[in-house]
Amino acid sequence: MLKNALMAVAVLGLVVCLPGCKSKQEQAADQMIDVMQDIANALKTVKDKESAEAAATQIKDLAKKGSEIGKEYKELEKAMSKEERKKMDETYEPKVEAIGKQIEAEMKRIATEVKDPAALMALGAAMAGMK
């Protein structure tokens, strides 16, 4: 009886965990994707000098967070096999490219709509903070 109960708990645990269980590398990559999307979303709010400055502040914080995640990922990547790296690239590259295109489109839009050079410089400096 106890054996059956333990087996049921173990199976239930696997069923609950399997869809959501991710490696540390996948978790870091997901976090980086989230940061990039947050940057794209912040750029979408830019309509004028004031909103550009507000977005720059937000992006600066996001860039710092992204840099920290990037450092963590580089450390985790050292332990990955070639097959794991290939799988990660196949899974995450399309996501990164899509968000990168969003960011690029927003930057182009901002460059034409917001004519204030100081605001544009603030955004550029904030974006440069992510390494």
Protein backbone atom coordinates (compact mmCIF):
# COMPACT_ATOMS: atom_id res chain seq x y z
CA MET A 1 0.00 0.00 0.00
CA LEU A 2 2.74 2.50 0.98
CA LYS A 3 4.74 1.43 -2.05
CA ASN A 4 1.80 2.22 -4.35
CA ALA A 5 1.30 5.61 -2.72
CA LEU A 6 4.98 6.49 -3.15
CA MET A 7 4.86 5.39 -6.77
CA ALA A 8 1.77 7.56 -7.37
CA VAL A 9 3.49 10.58 -5.82
CA ALA A 10 6.62 10.00 -7.93
CA VAL A 11 4.59 9.67 -11.15
CA LEU A 12 2.56 12.77 -10.29
CA GLY A 13 5.79 14.66 -9.62
CA LEU A 14 7.15 13.69 -13.01
CA VAL A 15 3.94 14.65 -14.80
CA VAL A 16 3.94 18.05 -13.12
CA CYS A 17 7.67 18.65 -13.60
CA LEU A 18 8.32 17.42 -17.13
CA PRO A 19 6.72 20.31 -19.02
CA GLY A 20 8.27 22.91 -16.72
CA CYS A 21 11.63 21.36 -15.86
CA LYS A 22 14.38 23.22 -17.62
CA SER A 23 18.11 23.14 -17.32
CA LYS A 24 19.92 26.07 -15.77
CA GLN A 25 21.07 27.02 -19.27
CA GLU A 26 17.50 27.05 -20.55
CA GLN A 27 16.36 29.07 -17.55
CA ALA A 28 19.11 31.65 -18.16
CA ALA A 29 18.26 31.81 -21.87
CA ASP A 30 14.56 32.29 -21.03
CA GLN A 31 15.49 35.09 -18.63
CA MET A 32 17.58 36.75 -21.33
CA ILE A 33 14.69 36.49 -23.80
CA ASP A 34 12.43 38.12 -21.19
CA VAL A 35 14.92 40.97 -20.69
CA MET A 36 15.19 41.54 -24.43
CA GLN A 37 11.40 41.60 -24.77
CA ASP A 38 11.17 44.06 -21.89
CA ILE A 39 13.66 46.31 -23.71
CA ALA A 40 11.59 46.09 -26.90
CA ASN A 41 8.46 46.92 -24.90
CA ALA A 42 10.18 49.91 -23.27
CA LEU A 43 11.19 51.20 -26.70
CA LYS A 44 7.58 50.95 -27.87
CA THR A 45 6.62 53.54 -25.24
CA VAL A 46 8.93 56.19 -26.71
CA LYS A 47 6.99 59.00 -28.35
CA ASP A 48 8.94 62.10 -27.35
CA LYS A 49 11.93 63.35 -25.36
CA GLU A 50 10.35 62.68 -21.95
CA SER A 51 9.26 59.13 -22.77
CA ALA A 52 12.68 58.48 -24.33
CA GLU A 53 14.39 59.51 -21.11
CA ALA A 54 12.03 57.33 -19.05
CA ALA A 55 12.65 54.37 -21.36
CA ALA A 56 16.41 54.95 -21.19
CA THR A 57 16.29 54.66 -17.39
CA GLN A 58 14.30 51.43 -17.63
CA ILE A 59 16.54 50.03 -20.35
CA LYS A 60 19.68 50.84 -18.35
CA ASP A 61 18.37 48.67 -15.50
CA LEU A 62 17.34 45.92 -17.92
CA ALA A 63 20.74 46.03 -19.64
CA LYS A 64 22.47 45.56 -16.28
CA LYS A 65 20.23 42.59 -15.53
CA GLY A 66 20.88 41.19 -19.02
CA SER A 67 24.63 41.50 -18.56
CA GLU A 68 24.45 39.56 -15.31
CA ILE A 69 22.38 36.82 -16.94
CA GLY A 70 24.81 36.75 -19.86
CA LYS A 71 27.78 36.21 -17.54
CA GLU A 72 25.91 33.42 -15.78
CA TYR A 73 25.04 31.81 -19.10
CA LYS A 74 28.66 31.93 -20.30
CA GLU A 75 29.71 30.04 -17.19
CA LEU A 76 26.95 27.48 -17.68
CA GLU A 77 27.82 27.15 -21.36
CA LYS A 78 31.28 25.84 -20.48
CA ALA A 79 29.71 22.63 -19.19
CA MET A 80 27.53 22.11 -22.28
CA SER A 81 28.28 19.51 -24.91
CA LYS A 82 28.26 20.37 -28.61
CA GLU A 83 24.87 18.71 -28.91
CA GLU A 84 23.45 20.77 -26.04
CA ARG A 85 24.80 23.99 -27.57
CA LYS A 86 23.29 23.07 -30.92
CA LYS A 87 19.92 22.39 -29.31
CA MET A 88 20.07 25.69 -27.42
CA ASP A 89 20.96 27.55 -30.62
CA GLU A 90 18.13 25.91 -32.53
CA THR A 91 15.65 26.70 -29.76
CA TYR A 92 16.67 30.24 -28.85
CA GLU A 93 18.22 31.80 -31.96
CA PRO A 94 14.86 32.34 -33.70
CA LYS A 95 13.49 34.00 -30.56
CA VAL A 96 16.52 36.26 -30.20
CA GLU A 97 16.37 37.21 -33.88
CA ALA A 98 12.66 38.03 -33.70
CA ILE A 99 13.10 40.27 -30.67
CA GLY A 100 16.21 41.80 -32.21
CA LYS A 101 14.11 42.78 -35.24
CA GLN A 102 11.52 44.35 -32.93
CA ILE A 103 14.23 46.36 -31.18
CA GLU A 104 15.76 47.42 -34.49
CA ALA A 105 12.38 48.51 -35.87
CA GLU A 106 11.63 50.50 -32.72
CA MET A 107 15.02 52.20 -32.82
CA LYS A 108 14.44 53.19 -36.45
CA ARG A 109 10.98 54.50 -35.58
CA ILE A 110 12.35 56.46 -32.65
CA ALA A 111 15.16 57.93 -34.73
CA THR A 112 12.63 59.39 -37.17
CA GLU A 113 9.97 60.42 -34.63
CA VAL A 114 12.06 61.75 -31.75
CA LYS A 115 14.20 64.56 -33.03
CA ASP A 116 16.00 65.28 -29.76
CA PRO A 117 19.65 64.16 -30.07
CA ALA A 118 20.15 64.04 -26.29
CA ALA A 119 17.22 61.65 -25.87
CA LEU A 120 18.54 59.45 -28.66
CA MET A 121 21.99 59.45 -27.07
CA ALA A 122 20.48 58.46 -23.71
CA LEU A 123 18.71 55.51 -25.34
CA GLY A 124 21.86 54.50 -27.19
CA ALA A 125 23.94 54.67 -24.03
CA ALA A 126 21.38 52.61 -22.14
CA MET A 127 21.33 49.96 -24.87
CA ALA A 128 25.13 49.86 -24.94
CA GLY A 129 25.13 48.86 -21.27
CA MET A 130 24.13 45.32 -22.20
CA LYS A 131 27.20 43.25 -22.95
